[in-house]
Amino acid sequence: MSSSFNGRNDRRKYNRAKFSEEVTVHKVTESKSGNVFEVQGKSLTVQAQDVSEGGIRLELADVDSPSKIFKLNFKLPKNGSVDVYSKLAWKDGQSCGLQFIVLDEESRKQIKGYVSKSK
């Protein structure tokens, strides 16, 4: 699927839906083995712009920290709370795209349900 998004042509694996909810963002440090993620410091609350099964776009300018991995928590309307680990996929001004890297099957189903109902 090809779409124009913010003036860019993107090929997306997953459909996206507008998602204007608050997201709690925790910076994370990856262990040397890469198998364990440790939450570091205070969390930030930011505004989401859209979501898909594969990731989320946030209004988050401060991603120049050493941490490029984040733990996110957000609530989907009528679908419950989602906890997910993500990595920085791109940054453009005040927006950034985070790709989900650890997402349990129940959370994936919740997001997929939200996106399909938002069409």
N, C-alpha and C. Protein backbone atom coordinates (compact mmCIF):
# COMPACT_ATOMS: atom_id res chain seq x y z
N MET A 1 0.85 -1.16 0.00
CA MET A 1 0.00 0.00 0.00
C MET A 1 0.90 1.22 0.00
N SER A 2 0.57 2.19 -0.80
CA SER A 2 1.36 3.41 -0.91
C SER A 2 0.47 4.59 -0.59
N SER A 3 0.97 5.50 0.23
CA SER A 3 0.18 6.68 0.57
C SER A 3 1.11 7.86 0.76
N SER A 4 0.53 9.04 0.63
CA SER A 4 1.30 10.26 0.86
C SER A 4 1.04 10.70 2.29
N PHE A 5 2.08 10.90 3.05
CA PHE A 5 1.95 11.23 4.45
C PHE A 5 2.98 12.29 4.79
N ASN A 6 2.53 13.48 5.17
CA ASN A 6 3.44 14.59 5.47
C ASN A 6 4.36 14.88 4.29
N GLY A 7 3.81 14.81 3.07
CA GLY A 7 4.62 15.13 1.91
C GLY A 7 5.57 14.03 1.47
N ARG A 8 5.56 12.89 2.15
CA ARG A 8 6.43 11.77 1.78
C ARG A 8 5.58 10.66 1.20
N ASN A 9 6.14 9.92 0.29
CA ASN A 9 5.48 8.70 -0.17
C ASN A 9 6.00 7.56 0.68
N ASP A 10 5.10 6.89 1.37
CA ASP A 10 5.48 5.81 2.27
C ASP A 10 4.84 4.51 1.82
N ARG A 11 5.58 3.44 1.94
CA ARG A 11 5.01 2.12 1.76
C ARG A 11 4.86 1.55 3.16
N ARG A 12 3.65 1.25 3.52
CA ARG A 12 3.38 0.79 4.86
C ARG A 12 2.89 -0.65 4.85
N LYS A 13 3.36 -1.40 5.80
CA LYS A 13 2.94 -2.79 5.94
C LYS A 13 1.56 -2.87 6.59
N TYR A 14 1.27 -1.92 7.49
CA TYR A 14 0.03 -1.93 8.25
C TYR A 14 -0.78 -0.66 7.99
N ASN A 15 -2.10 -0.79 8.04
CA ASN A 15 -2.97 0.38 7.97
C ASN A 15 -2.81 1.21 9.22
N ARG A 16 -2.94 2.52 9.09
CA ARG A 16 -2.84 3.44 10.21
C ARG A 16 -4.19 4.06 10.49
N ALA A 17 -4.36 4.49 11.74
CA ALA A 17 -5.57 5.21 12.13
C ALA A 17 -5.17 6.43 12.94
N LYS A 18 -5.93 7.51 12.77
CA LYS A 18 -5.70 8.70 13.59
C LYS A 18 -5.86 8.29 15.05
N PHE A 19 -4.95 8.76 15.87
CA PHE A 19 -4.96 8.39 17.29
C PHE A 19 -4.41 9.58 18.07
N SER A 20 -5.30 10.37 18.67
CA SER A 20 -4.92 11.61 19.33
C SER A 20 -4.97 11.49 20.85
N GLU A 21 -4.46 10.40 21.37
CA GLU A 21 -4.48 10.16 22.82
C GLU A 21 -3.10 10.42 23.41
N GLU A 22 -3.06 10.52 24.75
CA GLU A 22 -1.79 10.67 25.45
C GLU A 22 -1.07 9.33 25.53
N VAL A 23 0.24 9.39 25.41
CA VAL A 23 1.09 8.21 25.51
C VAL A 23 2.17 8.49 26.54
N THR A 24 2.37 7.56 27.47
CA THR A 24 3.46 7.69 28.43
C THR A 24 4.68 7.02 27.83
N VAL A 25 5.78 7.77 27.80
CA VAL A 25 7.02 7.31 27.17
C VAL A 25 8.10 7.18 28.23
N HIS A 26 8.73 6.02 28.30
CA HIS A 26 9.85 5.76 29.20
C HIS A 26 11.07 5.48 28.35
N LYS A 27 12.17 6.19 28.59
CA LYS A 27 13.43 5.86 27.91
C LYS A 27 13.95 4.55 28.49
N VAL A 28 14.55 3.74 27.65
CA VAL A 28 14.97 2.40 28.03
C VAL A 28 16.42 2.19 27.62
N THR A 29 17.14 1.46 28.47
CA THR A 29 18.50 1.04 28.16
C THR A 29 18.47 -0.45 27.85
N GLU A 30 19.10 -0.83 26.77
CA GLU A 30 19.18 -2.23 26.38
C GLU A 30 20.38 -2.87 27.08
N SER A 31 20.21 -4.09 27.57
CA SER A 31 21.33 -4.79 28.19
C SER A 31 22.37 -5.14 27.13
N LYS A 32 23.57 -5.51 27.57
CA LYS A 32 24.64 -5.88 26.63
C LYS A 32 24.23 -7.06 25.75
N SER A 33 23.43 -7.97 26.31
CA SER A 33 22.99 -9.12 25.53
C SER A 33 21.89 -8.75 24.55
N GLY A 34 21.23 -7.61 24.81
CA GLY A 34 20.14 -7.18 23.94
C GLY A 34 18.82 -7.84 24.26
N ASN A 35 18.78 -8.66 25.31
CA ASN A 35 17.57 -9.40 25.64
C ASN A 35 16.75 -8.78 26.77
N VAL A 36 17.29 -7.79 27.46
CA VAL A 36 16.61 -7.18 28.60
C VAL A 36 16.58 -5.68 28.40
N PHE A 37 15.42 -5.07 28.68
CA PHE A 37 15.27 -3.63 28.58
C PHE A 37 15.01 -3.08 29.97
N GLU A 38 15.76 -2.05 30.37
CA GLU A 38 15.59 -1.43 31.68
C GLU A 38 15.11 0.00 31.51
N VAL A 39 13.98 0.33 32.17
CA VAL A 39 13.44 1.69 32.11
C VAL A 39 14.36 2.62 32.87
N GLN A 40 14.65 3.79 32.28
CA GLN A 40 15.57 4.76 32.87
C GLN A 40 14.87 6.09 33.09
N GLY A 41 15.11 6.71 34.24
CA GLY A 41 14.65 8.08 34.50
C GLY A 41 13.15 8.24 34.54
N LYS A 42 12.73 9.51 34.45
CA LYS A 42 11.32 9.86 34.53
C LYS A 42 10.64 9.66 33.18
N SER A 43 9.35 9.41 33.24
CA SER A 43 8.58 9.24 32.02
C SER A 43 8.11 10.60 31.50
N LEU A 44 7.76 10.63 30.22
CA LEU A 44 7.17 11.80 29.58
C LEU A 44 5.77 11.43 29.13
N THR A 45 4.87 12.40 29.13
CA THR A 45 3.55 12.19 28.55
C THR A 45 3.47 13.04 27.30
N VAL A 46 3.21 12.41 26.17
CA VAL A 46 3.20 13.10 24.88
C VAL A 46 1.91 12.77 24.14
N GLN A 47 1.68 13.49 23.06
CA GLN A 47 0.49 13.32 22.24
C GLN A 47 0.79 12.41 21.06
N ALA A 48 -0.05 11.42 20.85
CA ALA A 48 0.06 10.56 19.66
C ALA A 48 -0.62 11.24 18.49
N GLN A 49 -0.24 10.84 17.29
CA GLN A 49 -0.87 11.36 16.08
C GLN A 49 -1.57 10.25 15.29
N ASP A 50 -0.93 9.08 15.22
CA ASP A 50 -1.57 7.93 14.59
C ASP A 50 -0.93 6.65 15.11
N VAL A 51 -1.60 5.51 14.82
CA VAL A 51 -1.12 4.22 15.32
C VAL A 51 -1.43 3.14 14.29
N SER A 52 -0.62 2.09 14.30
CA SER A 52 -0.86 0.90 13.49
C SER A 52 -0.38 -0.30 14.28
N GLU A 53 -0.54 -1.49 13.73
CA GLU A 53 -0.02 -2.69 14.38
C GLU A 53 1.50 -2.66 14.47
N GLY A 54 2.14 -1.91 13.60
CA GLY A 54 3.59 -1.90 13.54
C GLY A 54 4.27 -0.76 14.26
N GLY A 55 3.50 0.29 14.63
CA GLY A 55 4.14 1.42 15.28
C GLY A 55 3.20 2.57 15.55
N ILE A 56 3.79 3.68 15.99
CA ILE A 56 3.01 4.83 16.40
C ILE A 56 3.78 6.10 16.06
N ARG A 57 3.05 7.15 15.70
CA ARG A 57 3.67 8.45 15.45
C ARG A 57 3.32 9.37 16.61
N LEU A 58 4.35 10.00 17.17
CA LEU A 58 4.19 10.85 18.35
C LEU A 58 4.71 12.25 18.10
N GLU A 59 4.17 13.20 18.85
CA GLU A 59 4.75 14.54 18.93
C GLU A 59 5.80 14.47 20.03
N LEU A 60 7.04 14.24 19.65
CA LEU A 60 8.12 14.04 20.62
C LEU A 60 9.41 14.54 19.99
N ALA A 61 9.81 15.74 20.38
CA ALA A 61 11.01 16.35 19.79
C ALA A 61 12.29 15.82 20.43
N ASP A 62 12.25 15.47 21.72
CA ASP A 62 13.46 15.09 22.46
C ASP A 62 13.75 13.60 22.32
N VAL A 63 14.25 13.22 21.16
CA VAL A 63 14.66 11.82 20.98
C VAL A 63 16.14 11.74 20.65
N ASP A 64 16.89 12.80 20.96
CA ASP A 64 18.33 12.82 20.70
C ASP A 64 19.12 12.25 21.87
N SER A 65 18.43 11.64 22.82
CA SER A 65 19.10 11.05 23.96
C SER A 65 19.82 9.77 23.53
N PRO A 66 20.69 9.24 24.36
CA PRO A 66 21.36 7.98 24.02
C PRO A 66 20.36 6.83 23.82
N SER A 67 19.20 6.94 24.47
CA SER A 67 18.20 5.89 24.36
C SER A 67 17.41 6.05 23.06
N LYS A 68 17.46 5.05 22.23
CA LYS A 68 16.64 5.03 21.02
C LYS A 68 15.56 3.96 21.15
N ILE A 69 15.45 3.37 22.34
CA ILE A 69 14.42 2.38 22.63
C ILE A 69 13.55 2.96 23.74
N PHE A 70 12.23 2.76 23.58
CA PHE A 70 11.29 3.34 24.51
C PHE A 70 10.23 2.32 24.90
N LYS A 71 9.78 2.41 26.15
CA LYS A 71 8.61 1.65 26.58
C LYS A 71 7.44 2.62 26.54
N LEU A 72 6.36 2.22 25.90
CA LEU A 72 5.19 3.06 25.76
C LEU A 72 4.01 2.44 26.48
N ASN A 73 3.16 3.30 27.02
CA ASN A 73 1.89 2.86 27.61
C ASN A 73 0.82 3.82 27.11
N PHE A 74 -0.25 3.25 26.55
CA PHE A 74 -1.37 4.09 26.12
C PHE A 74 -2.66 3.29 26.19
N LYS A 75 -3.77 4.02 26.22
CA LYS A 75 -5.08 3.39 26.27
C LYS A 75 -5.78 3.58 24.93
N LEU A 76 -6.32 2.49 24.43
CA LEU A 76 -7.13 2.54 23.22
C LEU A 76 -8.59 2.67 23.63
N PRO A 77 -9.32 3.60 23.03
CA PRO A 77 -10.74 3.73 23.38
C PRO A 77 -11.47 2.40 23.23
N LYS A 78 -12.13 1.97 24.28
CA LYS A 78 -12.93 0.73 24.31
C LYS A 78 -12.12 -0.54 24.15
N ASN A 79 -10.79 -0.45 24.06
CA ASN A 79 -9.98 -1.65 23.83
C ASN A 79 -8.98 -1.93 24.95
N GLY A 80 -8.83 -1.05 25.91
CA GLY A 80 -7.94 -1.31 27.02
C GLY A 80 -6.56 -0.69 26.88
N SER A 81 -5.70 -1.05 27.81
CA SER A 81 -4.36 -0.47 27.92
C SER A 81 -3.33 -1.32 27.17
N VAL A 82 -2.36 -0.63 26.56
CA VAL A 82 -1.31 -1.30 25.80
C VAL A 82 0.04 -0.90 26.36
N ASP A 83 0.90 -1.89 26.64
CA ASP A 83 2.30 -1.68 27.01
C ASP A 83 3.14 -2.29 25.91
N VAL A 84 4.09 -1.52 25.38
CA VAL A 84 4.87 -2.00 24.25
C VAL A 84 6.27 -1.38 24.28
N TYR A 85 7.25 -2.13 23.81
CA TYR A 85 8.59 -1.59 23.61
C TYR A 85 8.72 -1.21 22.15
N SER A 86 9.42 -0.10 21.89
CA SER A 86 9.54 0.40 20.53
C SER A 86 10.94 0.97 20.31
N LYS A 87 11.26 1.15 19.02
CA LYS A 87 12.53 1.79 18.69
C LYS A 87 12.27 2.93 17.73
N LEU A 88 13.16 3.90 17.74
CA LEU A 88 13.04 5.06 16.87
C LEU A 88 13.22 4.62 15.43
N ALA A 89 12.22 4.90 14.59
CA ALA A 89 12.28 4.56 13.17
C ALA A 89 12.64 5.79 12.34
N TRP A 90 12.11 6.96 12.70
CA TRP A 90 12.40 8.20 11.99
C TRP A 90 12.06 9.39 12.87
N LYS A 91 12.61 10.54 12.52
CA LYS A 91 12.33 11.79 13.24
C LYS A 91 12.25 12.90 12.21
N ASP A 92 11.24 13.76 12.35
CA ASP A 92 11.05 14.88 11.43
C ASP A 92 10.48 16.05 12.22
N GLY A 93 11.33 16.98 12.62
CA GLY A 93 10.88 18.13 13.41
C GLY A 93 10.35 17.71 14.76
N GLN A 94 9.09 18.03 15.03
CA GLN A 94 8.46 17.72 16.32
C GLN A 94 7.81 16.33 16.34
N SER A 95 7.87 15.61 15.24
CA SER A 95 7.24 14.28 15.17
C SER A 95 8.30 13.20 15.04
N CYS A 96 7.95 12.02 15.53
CA CYS A 96 8.83 10.87 15.33
C CYS A 96 7.97 9.63 15.17
N GLY A 97 8.53 8.66 14.48
CA GLY A 97 7.87 7.38 14.30
C GLY A 97 8.59 6.34 15.12
N LEU A 98 7.84 5.59 15.90
CA LEU A 98 8.40 4.52 16.71
C LEU A 98 7.85 3.19 16.20
N GLN A 99 8.75 2.26 15.93
CA GLN A 99 8.37 0.92 15.47
C GLN A 99 8.28 0.00 16.68
N PHE A 100 7.19 -0.74 16.79
CA PHE A 100 7.03 -1.68 17.90
C PHE A 100 8.00 -2.84 17.71
N ILE A 101 8.74 -3.17 18.78
CA ILE A 101 9.68 -4.28 18.72
C ILE A 101 9.31 -5.41 19.67
N VAL A 102 8.57 -5.10 20.74
CA VAL A 102 8.06 -6.13 21.64
C VAL A 102 6.60 -5.79 21.90
N LEU A 103 5.71 -6.61 21.34
CA LEU A 103 4.27 -6.38 21.44
C LEU A 103 3.58 -7.73 21.59
N ASP A 104 2.88 -7.93 22.71
CA ASP A 104 2.22 -9.22 22.91
C ASP A 104 1.02 -9.35 21.97
N GLU A 105 0.59 -10.57 21.77
CA GLU A 105 -0.47 -10.86 20.80
C GLU A 105 -1.79 -10.16 21.17
N GLU A 106 -2.11 -10.09 22.44
CA GLU A 106 -3.35 -9.43 22.87
C GLU A 106 -3.33 -7.94 22.53
N SER A 107 -2.20 -7.28 22.78
CA SER A 107 -2.07 -5.86 22.44
C SER A 107 -2.15 -5.66 20.93
N ARG A 108 -1.53 -6.54 20.16
CA ARG A 108 -1.59 -6.46 18.70
C ARG A 108 -3.04 -6.55 18.22
N LYS A 109 -3.80 -7.48 18.81
CA LYS A 109 -5.21 -7.64 18.44
C LYS A 109 -6.00 -6.38 18.80
N GLN A 110 -5.72 -5.80 19.96
CA GLN A 110 -6.41 -4.58 20.37
C GLN A 110 -6.15 -3.44 19.39
N ILE A 111 -4.89 -3.26 19.01
CA ILE A 111 -4.53 -2.20 18.06
C ILE A 111 -5.17 -2.46 16.70
N LYS A 112 -5.10 -3.71 16.24
CA LYS A 112 -5.68 -4.06 14.94
C LYS A 112 -7.18 -3.77 14.95
N GLY A 113 -7.86 -4.10 16.06
CA GLY A 113 -9.29 -3.83 16.19
C GLY A 113 -9.60 -2.35 16.16
N TYR A 114 -8.78 -1.56 16.85
CA TYR A 114 -8.97 -0.11 16.86
C TYR A 114 -8.80 0.46 15.45
N VAL A 115 -7.74 0.05 14.76
CA VAL A 115 -7.47 0.57 13.42
C VAL A 115 -8.60 0.19 12.45
N SER A 116 -9.06 -1.06 12.52
CA SER A 116 -10.11 -1.50 11.58
C SER A 116 -11.43 -0.79 11.85
N LYS A 117 -11.74 -0.44 13.10
CA LYS A 117 -12.97 0.28 13.42
C LYS A 117 -12.87 1.75 13.09
N SER A 118 -11.66 2.26 12.90
CA SER A 118 -11.46 3.69 12.64
C SER A 118 -11.55 4.05 11.17
N LYS A 119 -11.70 3.08 10.32
CA LYS A 119 -11.76 3.35 8.86
C LYS A 119 -13.02 4.07 8.48
